[in-house]
Amino acid sequence: MATFIITGNYTVQAIQGMIANPSDRAAAVAPLVEAVGGKLLSYYATTGETDFLMICEAADGEDIIPALMVAGASGTVSNLKTVRAYSSADLMASQKKAAGIAAKFKPAG
C-alpha cells in the first residue's frame, strides 16, 4: 500500500457546521477512505496554511482520488493537496537503485 499525506482547508460552511454540531472528523472521513479500499492512519487539525492533515494508505493515487473528489464536491473542504510519502526504507531502496544506474547517465557539458 502507498502512503499519502493530504492537507486541506475547511470552508466557512464546514466551520459553521462543526460549531453547531461538533463531530469527530476522523470518524467522518474514515468510511470514505475505506470505500476506495484505503485506510485512514491519522487525522490532525493543524495551524498555519491548512486546517487539517490526514495520513492514508491506498493501493495507489488512482484509488485515493475519488475519495478526494467526493470530499471536495461536498463544499466543506477546499485547497486539497496530496503528496505520496515514502518510508526511510523506500528511500534507501531508491538510493541503492540510483547507485546501480548512475554510470548510465552522461551529464551535460
PDB file of N, CA and C in Angstrom:
ATOM      1  N   MET A   1       0.842  -1.189   0.000  1.00  0.00           N
ATOM      2  CA  MET A   1       0.000   0.000   0.000  1.00  0.00           C
ATOM      3  C   MET A   1       0.888   1.254   0.000  1.00  0.00           C
ATOM      4  N   ALA A   2       0.469   2.241  -0.742  1.00  0.00           N
ATOM      5  CA  ALA A   2       1.164   3.520  -0.793  1.00  0.00           C
ATOM      6  C   ALA A   2       0.628   4.421   0.321  1.00  0.00           C
ATOM      7  N   THR A   3       1.487   5.300   0.811  1.00  0.00           N
ATOM      8  CA  THR A   3       1.100   6.243   1.854  1.00  0.00           C
ATOM      9  C   THR A   3       0.931   7.624   1.239  1.00  0.00           C
ATOM     10  N   PHE A   4      -0.151   8.296   1.608  1.00  0.00           N
ATOM     11  CA  PHE A   4      -0.441   9.628   1.095  1.00  0.00           C
ATOM     12  C   PHE A   4      -0.663  10.592   2.253  1.00  0.00           C
ATOM     13  N   ILE A   5      -0.123  11.787   2.119  1.00  0.00           N
ATOM     14  CA  ILE A   5      -0.361  12.858   3.080  1.00  0.00           C
ATOM     15  C   ILE A   5      -1.263  13.868   2.382  1.00  0.00           C
ATOM     16  N   ILE A   6      -2.397  14.131   2.981  1.00  0.00           N
ATOM     17  CA  ILE A   6      -3.405  15.009   2.384  1.00  0.00           C
ATOM     18  C   ILE A   6      -3.648  16.177   3.332  1.00  0.00           C
ATOM     19  N   THR A   7      -3.581  17.377   2.790  1.00  0.00           N
ATOM     20  CA  THR A   7      -3.876  18.569   3.574  1.00  0.00           C
ATOM     21  C   THR A   7      -5.008  19.335   2.904  1.00  0.00           C
ATOM     22  N   GLY A   8      -5.648  20.187   3.674  1.00  0.00           N
ATOM     23  CA  GLY A   8      -6.719  20.997   3.113  1.00  0.00           C
ATOM     24  C   GLY A   8      -7.242  22.003   4.114  1.00  0.00           C
ATOM     25  N   ASN A   9      -8.234  22.721   3.665  1.00  0.00           N
ATOM     26  CA  ASN A   9      -8.872  23.738   4.493  1.00  0.00           C
ATOM     27  C   ASN A   9     -10.360  23.463   4.605  1.00  0.00           C
ATOM     28  N   TYR A  10     -10.914  23.856   5.740  1.00  0.00           N
ATOM     29  CA  TYR A  10     -12.362  23.810   5.915  1.00  0.00           C
ATOM     30  C   TYR A  10     -12.961  25.078   5.318  1.00  0.00           C
ATOM     31  N   THR A  11     -14.126  24.976   4.734  1.00  0.00           N
ATOM     32  CA  THR A  11     -14.842  26.158   4.258  1.00  0.00           C
ATOM     33  C   THR A  11     -15.625  26.758   5.425  1.00  0.00           C
ATOM     34  N   VAL A  12     -16.143  27.953   5.211  1.00  0.00           N
ATOM     35  CA  VAL A  12     -16.982  28.596   6.232  1.00  0.00           C
ATOM     36  C   VAL A  12     -18.155  27.688   6.576  1.00  0.00           C
ATOM     37  N   GLN A  13     -18.733  27.068   5.560  1.00  0.00           N
ATOM     38  CA  GLN A  13     -19.858  26.141   5.773  1.00  0.00           C
ATOM     39  C   GLN A  13     -19.462  25.017   6.732  1.00  0.00           C
ATOM     40  N   ALA A  14     -18.279  24.463   6.555  1.00  0.00           N
ATOM     41  CA  ALA A  14     -17.823  23.371   7.424  1.00  0.00           C
ATOM     42  C   ALA A  14     -17.620  23.851   8.853  1.00  0.00           C
ATOM     43  N   ILE A  15     -16.993  25.003   8.996  1.00  0.00           N
ATOM     44  CA  ILE A  15     -16.731  25.524  10.339  1.00  0.00           C
ATOM     45  C   ILE A  15     -18.043  25.834  11.061  1.00  0.00           C
ATOM     46  N   GLN A  16     -18.994  26.405  10.342  1.00  0.00           N
ATOM     47  CA  GLN A  16     -20.302  26.663  10.946  1.00  0.00           C
ATOM     48  C   GLN A  16     -20.949  25.354  11.393  1.00  0.00           C
ATOM     49  N   GLY A  17     -20.839  24.324  10.572  1.00  0.00           N
ATOM     50  CA  GLY A  17     -21.398  23.018  10.916  1.00  0.00           C
ATOM     51  C   GLY A  17     -20.723  22.396  12.121  1.00  0.00           C
ATOM     52  N   MET A  18     -19.389  22.548  12.213  1.00  0.00           N
ATOM     53  CA  MET A  18     -18.666  21.977  13.353  1.00  0.00           C
ATOM     54  C   MET A  18     -19.004  22.696  14.648  1.00  0.00           C
ATOM     55  N   ILE A  19     -19.248  23.993  14.558  1.00  0.00           N
ATOM     56  CA  ILE A  19     -19.638  24.739  15.756  1.00  0.00           C
ATOM     57  C   ILE A  19     -21.049  24.345  16.190  1.00  0.00           C
ATOM     58  N   ALA A  20     -21.955  24.244  15.234  1.00  0.00           N
ATOM     59  CA  ALA A  20     -23.347  23.903  15.547  1.00  0.00           C
ATOM     60  C   ALA A  20     -23.496  22.462  16.011  1.00  0.00           C
ATOM     61  N   ASN A  21     -22.701  21.559  15.422  1.00  0.00           N
ATOM     62  CA  ASN A  21     -22.776  20.128  15.738  1.00  0.00           C
ATOM     63  C   ASN A  21     -21.373  19.534  15.778  1.00  0.00           C
ATOM     64  N   PRO A  22     -20.654  19.688  16.904  1.00  0.00           N
ATOM     65  CA  PRO A  22     -19.297  19.156  16.982  1.00  0.00           C
ATOM     66  C   PRO A  22     -19.256  17.667  16.615  1.00  0.00           C
ATOM     67  N   SER A  23     -18.225  17.299  15.850  1.00  0.00           N
ATOM     68  CA  SER A  23     -18.119  15.905  15.414  1.00  0.00           C
ATOM     69  C   SER A  23     -16.662  15.498  15.271  1.00  0.00           C
ATOM     70  N   ASP A  24     -16.420  14.219  15.395  1.00  0.00           N
ATOM     71  CA  ASP A  24     -15.091  13.641  15.212  1.00  0.00           C
ATOM     72  C   ASP A  24     -14.843  13.543  13.709  1.00  0.00           C
ATOM     73  N   ARG A  25     -14.002  14.404  13.169  1.00  0.00           N
ATOM     74  CA  ARG A  25     -13.784  14.435  11.730  1.00  0.00           C
ATOM     75  C   ARG A  25     -13.049  13.191  11.236  1.00  0.00           C
ATOM     76  N   ALA A  26     -12.203  12.592  12.060  1.00  0.00           N
ATOM     77  CA  ALA A  26     -11.542  11.342  11.651  1.00  0.00           C
ATOM     78  C   ALA A  26     -12.580  10.247  11.449  1.00  0.00           C
ATOM     79  N   ALA A  27     -13.535  10.158  12.351  1.00  0.00           N
ATOM     80  CA  ALA A  27     -14.597   9.150  12.227  1.00  0.00           C
ATOM     81  C   ALA A  27     -15.469   9.426  11.007  1.00  0.00           C
ATOM     82  N   ALA A  28     -15.605  10.690  10.633  1.00  0.00           N
ATOM     83  CA  ALA A  28     -16.408  11.038   9.459  1.00  0.00           C
ATOM     84  C   ALA A  28     -15.682  10.717   8.157  1.00  0.00           C
ATOM     85  N   VAL A  29     -14.366  10.874   8.148  1.00  0.00           N
ATOM     86  CA  VAL A  29     -13.568  10.676   6.932  1.00  0.00           C
ATOM     87  C   VAL A  29     -13.204   9.210   6.698  1.00  0.00           C
ATOM     88  N   ALA A  30     -12.970   8.460   7.755  1.00  0.00           N
ATOM     89  CA  ALA A  30     -12.503   7.069   7.619  1.00  0.00           C
ATOM     90  C   ALA A  30     -13.369   6.222   6.688  1.00  0.00           C
ATOM     91  N   PRO A  31     -14.702   6.258   6.785  1.00  0.00           N
ATOM     92  CA  PRO A  31     -15.508   5.430   5.875  1.00  0.00           C
ATOM     93  C   PRO A  31     -15.330   5.797   4.400  1.00  0.00           C
ATOM     94  N   LEU A  32     -15.078   7.068   4.120  1.00  0.00           N
ATOM     95  CA  LEU A  32     -14.854   7.492   2.737  1.00  0.00           C
ATOM     96  C   LEU A  32     -13.552   6.901   2.200  1.00  0.00           C
ATOM     97  N   VAL A  33     -12.506   6.942   3.007  1.00  0.00           N
ATOM     98  CA  VAL A  33     -11.218   6.360   2.605  1.00  0.00           C
ATOM     99  C   VAL A  33     -11.354   4.845   2.454  1.00  0.00           C
ATOM    100  N   GLU A  34     -12.062   4.223   3.371  1.00  0.00           N
ATOM    101  CA  GLU A  34     -12.270   2.770   3.302  1.00  0.00           C
ATOM    102  C   GLU A  34     -13.094   2.380   2.076  1.00  0.00           C
ATOM    103  N   ALA A  35     -13.998   3.244   1.633  1.00  0.00           N
ATOM    104  CA  ALA A  35     -14.841   2.950   0.470  1.00  0.00           C
ATOM    105  C   ALA A  35     -14.029   2.803  -0.815  1.00  0.00           C
ATOM    106  N   VAL A  36     -12.827   3.389  -0.842  1.00  0.00           N
ATOM    107  CA  VAL A  36     -11.963   3.251  -2.021  1.00  0.00           C
ATOM    108  C   VAL A  36     -10.853   2.224  -1.778  1.00  0.00           C
ATOM    109  N   GLY A  37     -11.011   1.426  -0.717  1.00  0.00           N
ATOM    110  CA  GLY A  37     -10.040   0.380  -0.419  1.00  0.00           C
ATOM    111  C   GLY A  37      -8.842   0.850   0.378  1.00  0.00           C
ATOM    112  N   GLY A  38      -8.921   2.054   0.922  1.00  0.00           N
ATOM    113  CA  GLY A  38      -7.808   2.604   1.686  1.00  0.00           C
ATOM    114  C   GLY A  38      -8.033   2.520   3.177  1.00  0.00           C
ATOM    115  N   LYS A  39      -7.102   3.122   3.900  1.00  0.00           N
ATOM    116  CA  LYS A  39      -7.177   3.135   5.361  1.00  0.00           C
ATOM    117  C   LYS A  39      -6.691   4.494   5.852  1.00  0.00           C
ATOM    118  N   LEU A  40      -7.471   5.115   6.726  1.00  0.00           N
ATOM    119  CA  LEU A  40      -7.061   6.358   7.367  1.00  0.00           C
ATOM    120  C   LEU A  40      -6.142   5.999   8.524  1.00  0.00           C
ATOM    121  N   LEU A  41      -4.890   6.426   8.459  1.00  0.00           N
ATOM    122  CA  LEU A  41      -3.931   6.121   9.523  1.00  0.00           C
ATOM    123  C   LEU A  41      -3.946   7.182  10.618  1.00  0.00           C
ATOM    124  N   SER A  42      -4.052   8.454  10.212  1.00  0.00           N
ATOM    125  CA  SER A  42      -4.044   9.557  11.178  1.00  0.00           C
ATOM    126  C   SER A  42      -4.819  10.736  10.622  1.00  0.00           C
ATOM    127  N   TYR A  43      -5.392  11.515  11.508  1.00  0.00           N
ATOM    128  CA  TYR A  43      -6.104  12.736  11.125  1.00  0.00           C
ATOM    129  C   TYR A  43      -5.760  13.797  12.163  1.00  0.00           C
ATOM    130  N   TYR A  44      -5.301  14.946  11.697  1.00  0.00           N
ATOM    131  CA  TYR A  44      -4.902  16.015  12.606  1.00  0.00           C
ATOM    132  C   TYR A  44      -5.540  17.337  12.201  1.00  0.00           C
ATOM    133  N   ALA A  45      -5.967  18.107  13.176  1.00  0.00           N
ATOM    134  CA  ALA A  45      -6.286  19.510  12.951  1.00  0.00           C
ATOM    135  C   ALA A  45      -4.950  20.233  13.017  1.00  0.00           C
ATOM    136  N   THR A  46      -4.738  21.200  12.123  1.00  0.00           N
ATOM    137  CA  THR A  46      -3.441  21.862  12.053  1.00  0.00           C
ATOM    138  C   THR A  46      -3.604  23.379  12.084  1.00  0.00           C
ATOM    139  N   THR A  47      -2.514  24.051  12.392  1.00  0.00           N
ATOM    140  CA  THR A  47      -2.467  25.505  12.334  1.00  0.00           C
ATOM    141  C   THR A  47      -1.595  25.900  11.153  1.00  0.00           C
ATOM    142  N   GLY A  48      -1.719  27.124  10.724  1.00  0.00           N
ATOM    143  CA  GLY A  48      -0.904  27.585   9.597  1.00  0.00           C
ATOM    144  C   GLY A  48      -1.716  27.636   8.320  1.00  0.00           C
ATOM    145  N   GLU A  49      -1.089  27.257   7.207  1.00  0.00           N
ATOM    146  CA  GLU A  49      -1.722  27.374   5.893  1.00  0.00           C
ATOM    147  C   GLU A  49      -2.911  26.444   5.701  1.00  0.00           C
ATOM    148  N   THR A  50      -2.927  25.327   6.410  1.00  0.00           N
ATOM    149  CA  THR A  50      -4.018  24.367   6.239  1.00  0.00           C
ATOM    150  C   THR A  50      -4.701  24.099   7.571  1.00  0.00           C
ATOM    151  N   ASP A  51      -5.909  23.559   7.492  1.00  0.00           N
ATOM    152  CA  ASP A  51      -6.698  23.291   8.695  1.00  0.00           C
ATOM    153  C   ASP A  51      -6.631  21.844   9.153  1.00  0.00           C
ATOM    154  N   PHE A  52      -6.280  20.939   8.222  1.00  0.00           N
ATOM    155  CA  PHE A  52      -6.196  19.526   8.591  1.00  0.00           C
ATOM    156  C   PHE A  52      -5.137  18.811   7.766  1.00  0.00           C
ATOM    157  N   LEU A  53      -4.677  17.700   8.307  1.00  0.00           N
ATOM    158  CA  LEU A  53      -3.705  16.828   7.661  1.00  0.00           C
ATOM    159  C   LEU A  53      -4.136  15.400   7.930  1.00  0.00           C
ATOM    160  N   MET A  54      -4.187  14.611   6.865  1.00  0.00           N
ATOM    161  CA  MET A  54      -4.541  13.193   7.001  1.00  0.00           C
ATOM    162  C   MET A  54      -3.397  12.359   6.443  1.00  0.00           C
ATOM    163  N   ILE A  55      -3.164  11.226   7.051  1.00  0.00           N
ATOM    164  CA  ILE A  55      -2.229  10.254   6.506  1.00  0.00           C
ATOM    165  C   ILE A  55      -3.042   9.006   6.205  1.00  0.00           C
ATOM    166  N   CYS A  56      -3.020   8.606   4.931  1.00  0.00           N
ATOM    167  CA  CYS A  56      -3.830   7.484   4.458  1.00  0.00           C
ATOM    168  C   CYS A  56      -2.963   6.486   3.714  1.00  0.00           C
ATOM    169  N   GLU A  57      -3.433   5.263   3.667  1.00  0.00           N
ATOM    170  CA  GLU A  57      -2.844   4.241   2.807  1.00  0.00           C
ATOM    171  C   GLU A  57      -3.873   3.873   1.753  1.00  0.00           C
ATOM    172  N   ALA A  58      -3.395   3.645   0.542  1.00  0.00           N
ATOM    173  CA  ALA A  58      -4.240   3.170  -0.552  1.00  0.00           C
ATOM    174  C   ALA A  58      -3.337   2.463  -1.546  1.00  0.00           C
ATOM    175  N   ALA A  59      -3.930   1.663  -2.409  1.00  0.00           N
ATOM    176  CA  ALA A  59      -3.130   0.914  -3.379  1.00  0.00           C
ATOM    177  C   ALA A  59      -2.309   1.866  -4.243  1.00  0.00           C
ATOM    178  N   ASP A  60      -2.908   2.944  -4.706  1.00  0.00           N
ATOM    179  CA  ASP A  60      -2.190   3.952  -5.489  1.00  0.00           C
ATOM    180  C   ASP A  60      -3.011   5.234  -5.528  1.00  0.00           C
ATOM    181  N   GLY A  61      -2.473   6.242  -6.194  1.00  0.00           N
ATOM    182  CA  GLY A  61      -3.154   7.526  -6.261  1.00  0.00           C
ATOM    183  C   GLY A  61      -4.509   7.462  -6.928  1.00  0.00           C
ATOM    184  N   GLU A  62      -4.651   6.571  -7.902  1.00  0.00           N
ATOM    185  CA  GLU A  62      -5.934   6.452  -8.589  1.00  0.00           C
ATOM    186  C   GLU A  62      -7.035   5.969  -7.650  1.00  0.00           C
ATOM    187  N   ASP A  63      -6.657   5.319  -6.570  1.00  0.00           N
ATOM    188  CA  ASP A  63      -7.650   4.865  -5.597  1.00  0.00           C
ATOM    189  C   ASP A  63      -8.069   5.983  -4.650  1.00  0.00           C
ATOM    190  N   ILE A  64      -7.143   6.850  -4.287  1.00  0.00           N
ATOM    191  CA  ILE A  64      -7.464   7.884  -3.304  1.00  0.00           C
ATOM    192  C   ILE A  64      -8.161   9.088  -3.944  1.00  0.00           C
ATOM    193  N   ILE A  65      -7.928   9.330  -5.232  1.00  0.00           N
ATOM    194  CA  ILE A  65      -8.513  10.496  -5.905  1.00  0.00           C
ATOM    195  C   ILE A  65     -10.042  10.530  -5.827  1.00  0.00           C
ATOM    196  N   PRO A  66     -10.768   9.427  -6.045  1.00  0.00           N
ATOM    197  CA  PRO A  66     -12.235   9.503  -5.940  1.00  0.00           C
ATOM    198  C   PRO A  66     -12.723   9.965  -4.565  1.00  0.00           C
ATOM    199  N   ALA A  67     -12.050   9.558  -3.513  1.00  0.00           N
ATOM    200  CA  ALA A  67     -12.441   9.998  -2.166  1.00  0.00           C
ATOM    201  C   ALA A  67     -12.245  11.504  -2.031  1.00  0.00           C
ATOM    202  N   LEU A  68     -11.156  12.013  -2.583  1.00  0.00           N
ATOM    203  CA  LEU A  68     -10.903  13.449  -2.518  1.00  0.00           C
ATOM    204  C   LEU A  68     -11.905  14.228  -3.364  1.00  0.00           C
ATOM    205  N   MET A  69     -12.304  13.649  -4.486  1.00  0.00           N
ATOM    206  CA  MET A  69     -13.316  14.295  -5.323  1.00  0.00           C
ATOM    207  C   MET A  69     -14.636  14.429  -4.577  1.00  0.00           C
ATOM    208  N   VAL A  70     -15.032  13.375  -3.875  1.00  0.00           N
ATOM    209  CA  VAL A  70     -16.283  13.404  -3.106  1.00  0.00           C
ATOM    210  C   VAL A  70     -16.193  14.447  -1.995  1.00  0.00           C
ATOM    211  N   ALA A  71     -15.067  14.458  -1.285  1.00  0.00           N
ATOM    212  CA  ALA A  71     -14.900  15.435  -0.206  1.00  0.00           C
ATOM    213  C   ALA A  71     -14.933  16.857  -0.758  1.00  0.00           C
ATOM    214  N   GLY A  72     -14.217  17.091  -1.842  1.00  0.00           N
ATOM    215  CA  GLY A  72     -14.194  18.419  -2.440  1.00  0.00           C
ATOM    216  C   GLY A  72     -15.553  18.857  -2.952  1.00  0.00           C
ATOM    217  N   ALA A  73     -16.290  17.931  -3.547  1.00  0.00           N
ATOM    218  CA  ALA A  73     -17.614  18.250  -4.093  1.00  0.00           C
ATOM    219  C   ALA A  73     -18.630  18.571  -3.001  1.00  0.00           C
ATOM    220  N   SER A  74     -18.335  18.188  -1.767  1.00  0.00           N
ATOM    221  CA  SER A  74     -19.267  18.458  -0.666  1.00  0.00           C
ATOM    222  C   SER A  74     -19.365  19.944  -0.350  1.00  0.00           C
ATOM    223  N   GLY A  75     -18.360  20.705  -0.770  1.00  0.00           N
ATOM    224  CA  GLY A  75     -18.352  22.133  -0.479  1.00  0.00           C
ATOM    225  C   GLY A  75     -17.861  22.480   0.910  1.00  0.00           C
ATOM    226  N   THR A  76     -17.406  21.489   1.668  1.00  0.00           N
ATOM    227  CA  THR A  76     -16.968  21.743   3.040  1.00  0.00           C
ATOM    228  C   THR A  76     -15.453  21.754   3.202  1.00  0.00           C
ATOM    229  N   VAL A  77     -14.726  21.375   2.149  1.00  0.00           N
ATOM    230  CA  VAL A  77     -13.265  21.438   2.181  1.00  0.00           C
ATOM    231  C   VAL A  77     -12.775  22.080   0.887  1.00  0.00           C
ATOM    232  N   SER A  78     -11.607  22.678   0.961  1.00  0.00           N
ATOM    233  CA  SER A  78     -11.007  23.296  -0.216  1.00  0.00           C
ATOM    234  C   SER A  78      -9.495  23.166  -0.122  1.00  0.00           C
ATOM    235  N   ASN A  79      -8.825  23.563  -1.194  1.00  0.00           N
ATOM    236  CA  ASN A  79      -7.369  23.582  -1.202  1.00  0.00           C
ATOM    237  C   ASN A  79      -6.775  22.214  -0.863  1.00  0.00           C
ATOM    238  N   LEU A  80      -7.397  21.148  -1.347  1.00  0.00           N
ATOM    239  CA  LEU A  80      -6.892  19.802  -1.073  1.00  0.00           C
ATOM    240  C   LEU A  80      -5.576  19.581  -1.808  1.00  0.00           C
ATOM    241  N   LYS A  81      -4.584  19.101  -1.088  1.00  0.00           N
ATOM    242  CA  LYS A  81      -3.278  18.786  -1.667  1.00  0.00           C
ATOM    243  C   LYS A  81      -2.877  17.398  -1.197  1.00  0.00           C
ATOM    244  N   THR A  82      -2.365  16.617  -2.118  1.00  0.00           N
ATOM    245  CA  THR A  82      -1.975  15.244  -1.815  1.00  0.00           C
ATOM    246  C   THR A  82      -0.545  15.015  -2.265  1.00  0.00           C
ATOM    247  N   VAL A  83       0.260  14.438  -1.393  1.00  0.00           N
ATOM    248  CA  VAL A  83       1.611  14.029  -1.766  1.00  0.00           C
ATOM    249  C   VAL A  83       1.800  12.572  -1.390  1.00  0.00           C
ATOM    250  N   ARG A  84       2.579  11.882  -2.172  1.00  0.00           N
ATOM    251  CA  ARG A  84       2.925  10.495  -1.870  1.00  0.00           C
ATOM    252  C   ARG A  84       4.083  10.535  -0.889  1.00  0.00           C
ATOM    253  N   ALA A  85       4.006   9.759   0.159  1.00  0.00           N
ATOM    254  CA  ALA A  85       5.062   9.693   1.168  1.00  0.00           C
ATOM    255  C   ALA A  85       5.805   8.368   1.041  1.00  0.00           C
ATOM    256  N   TYR A  86       7.102   8.426   1.240  1.00  0.00           N
ATOM    257  CA  TYR A  86       7.945   7.233   1.149  1.00  0.00           C
ATOM    258  C   TYR A  86       8.646   7.024   2.483  1.00  0.00           C
ATOM    259  N   SER A  87       8.688   5.797   2.929  1.00  0.00           N
ATOM    260  CA  SER A  87       9.354   5.476   4.191  1.00  0.00           C
ATOM    261  C   SER A  87      10.867   5.589   4.018  1.00  0.00           C
ATOM    262  N   SER A  88      11.565   5.584   5.117  1.00  0.00           N
ATOM    263  CA  SER A  88      13.026   5.600   5.075  1.00  0.00           C
ATOM    264  C   SER A  88      13.551   4.375   4.325  1.00  0.00           C
ATOM    265  N   ALA A  89      12.902   3.233   4.515  1.00  0.00           N
ATOM    266  CA  ALA A  89      13.308   2.011   3.800  1.00  0.00           C
ATOM    267  C   ALA A  89      13.087   2.167   2.293  1.00  0.00           C
ATOM    268  N   ASP A  90      11.980   2.801   1.903  1.00  0.00           N
ATOM    269  CA  ASP A  90      11.731   3.074   0.483  1.00  0.00           C
ATOM    270  C   ASP A  90      12.820   3.972  -0.092  1.00  0.00           C
ATOM    271  N   LEU A  91      13.194   4.999   0.660  1.00  0.00           N
ATOM    272  CA  LEU A  91      14.233   5.916   0.207  1.00  0.00           C
ATOM    273  C   LEU A  91      15.564   5.197   0.061  1.00  0.00           C
ATOM    274  N   MET A  92      15.875   4.315   0.996  1.00  0.00           N
ATOM    275  CA  MET A  92      17.128   3.551   0.927  1.00  0.00           C
ATOM    276  C   MET A  92      17.144   2.681  -0.327  1.00  0.00           C
ATOM    277  N   ALA A  93      16.033   2.042  -0.634  1.00  0.00           N
ATOM    278  CA  ALA A  93      15.950   1.214  -1.843  1.00  0.00           C
ATOM    279  C   ALA A  93      16.156   2.071  -3.088  1.00  0.00           C
ATOM    280  N   SER A  94      15.606   3.277  -3.101  1.00  0.00           N
ATOM    281  CA  SER A  94      15.794   4.184  -4.234  1.00  0.00           C
ATOM    282  C   SER A  94      17.249   4.619  -4.355  1.00  0.00           C
ATOM    283  N   GLN A  95      17.899   4.862  -3.238  1.00  0.00           N
ATOM    284  CA  GLN A  95      19.311   5.241  -3.255  1.00  0.00           C
ATOM    285  C   GLN A  95      20.160   4.123  -3.857  1.00  0.00           C
ATOM    286  N   LYS A  96      19.873   2.900  -3.460  1.00  0.00           N
ATOM    287  CA  LYS A  96      20.626   1.755  -3.987  1.00  0.00           C
ATOM    288  C   LYS A  96      20.383   1.589  -5.484  1.00  0.00           C
ATOM    289  N   LYS A  97      19.147   1.782  -5.909  1.00  0.00           N
ATOM    290  CA  LYS A  97      18.831   1.680  -7.335  1.00  0.00           C
ATOM    291  C   LYS A  97      19.550   2.780  -8.113  1.00  0.00           C
ATOM    292  N   ALA A  98      19.558   3.995  -7.561  1.00  0.00           N
ATOM    293  CA  ALA A  98      20.257   5.108  -8.202  1.00  0.00           C
ATOM    294  C   ALA A  98      21.751   4.821  -8.325  1.00  0.00           C
ATOM    295  N   ALA A  99      22.332   4.240  -7.278  1.00  0.00           N
ATOM    296  CA  ALA A  99      23.760   3.901  -7.332  1.00  0.00           C
ATOM    297  C   ALA A  99      24.037   2.900  -8.446  1.00  0.00           C
ATOM    298  N   GLY A 100      23.104   1.997  -8.674  1.00  0.00           N
ATOM    299  CA  GLY A 100      23.275   0.971  -9.700  1.00  0.00           C
ATOM    300  C   GLY A 100      23.120   1.482 -11.124  1.00  0.00           C
ATOM    301  N   ILE A 101      22.433   2.612 -11.299  1.00  0.00           N
ATOM    302  CA  ILE A 101      22.219   3.127 -12.657  1.00  0.00           C
ATOM    303  C   ILE A 101      22.973   4.425 -12.929  1.00  0.00           C
ATOM    304  N   ALA A 102      23.657   4.974 -11.942  1.00  0.00           N
ATOM    305  CA  ALA A 102      24.319   6.276 -12.077  1.00  0.00           C
ATOM    306  C   ALA A 102      25.305   6.315 -13.240  1.00  0.00           C
ATOM    307  N   ALA A 103      26.019   5.233 -13.493  1.00  0.00           N
ATOM    308  CA  ALA A 103      27.021   5.199 -14.562  1.00  0.00           C
ATOM    309  C   ALA A 103      26.385   5.297 -15.949  1.00  0.00           C
ATOM    310  N   LYS A 104      25.099   5.059 -16.053  1.00  0.00           N
ATOM    311  CA  LYS A 104      24.410   5.095 -17.350  1.00  0.00           C
ATOM    312  C   LYS A 104      24.037   6.521 -17.786  1.00  0.00           C
ATOM    313  N   PHE A 105      24.188   7.495 -16.909  1.00  0.00           N
ATOM    314  CA  PHE A 105      23.809   8.870 -17.212  1.00  0.00           C
ATOM    315  C   PHE A 105      25.029   9.693 -17.573  1.00  0.00           C
ATOM    316  N   LYS A 106      24.925  10.436 -18.663  1.00  0.00           N
ATOM    317  CA  LYS A 106      26.002  11.336 -19.064  1.00  0.00           C
ATOM    318  C   LYS A 106      25.504  12.767 -18.873  1.00  0.00           C
ATOM    319  N   PRO A 107      26.071  13.497 -17.889  1.00  0.00           N
ATOM    320  CA  PRO A 107      25.638  14.871 -17.647  1.00  0.00           C
ATOM    321  C   PRO A 107      25.975  15.780 -18.830  1.00  0.00           C
ATOM    322  N   ALA A 108      25.229  16.859 -18.950  1.00  0.00           N
ATOM    323  CA  ALA A 108      25.523  17.841 -19.997  1.00  0.00           C
ATOM    324  C   ALA A 108      26.875  18.494 -19.741  1.00  0.00           C
ATOM    325  N   GLY A 109      27.541  18.882 -20.824  1.00  0.00           N
ATOM    326  CA  GLY A 109      28.797  19.634 -20.698  1.00  0.00           C
ATOM    327  C   GLY A 109      30.007  18.877 -20.887  1.00  0.00           C
TER     328      GLY A 109
END
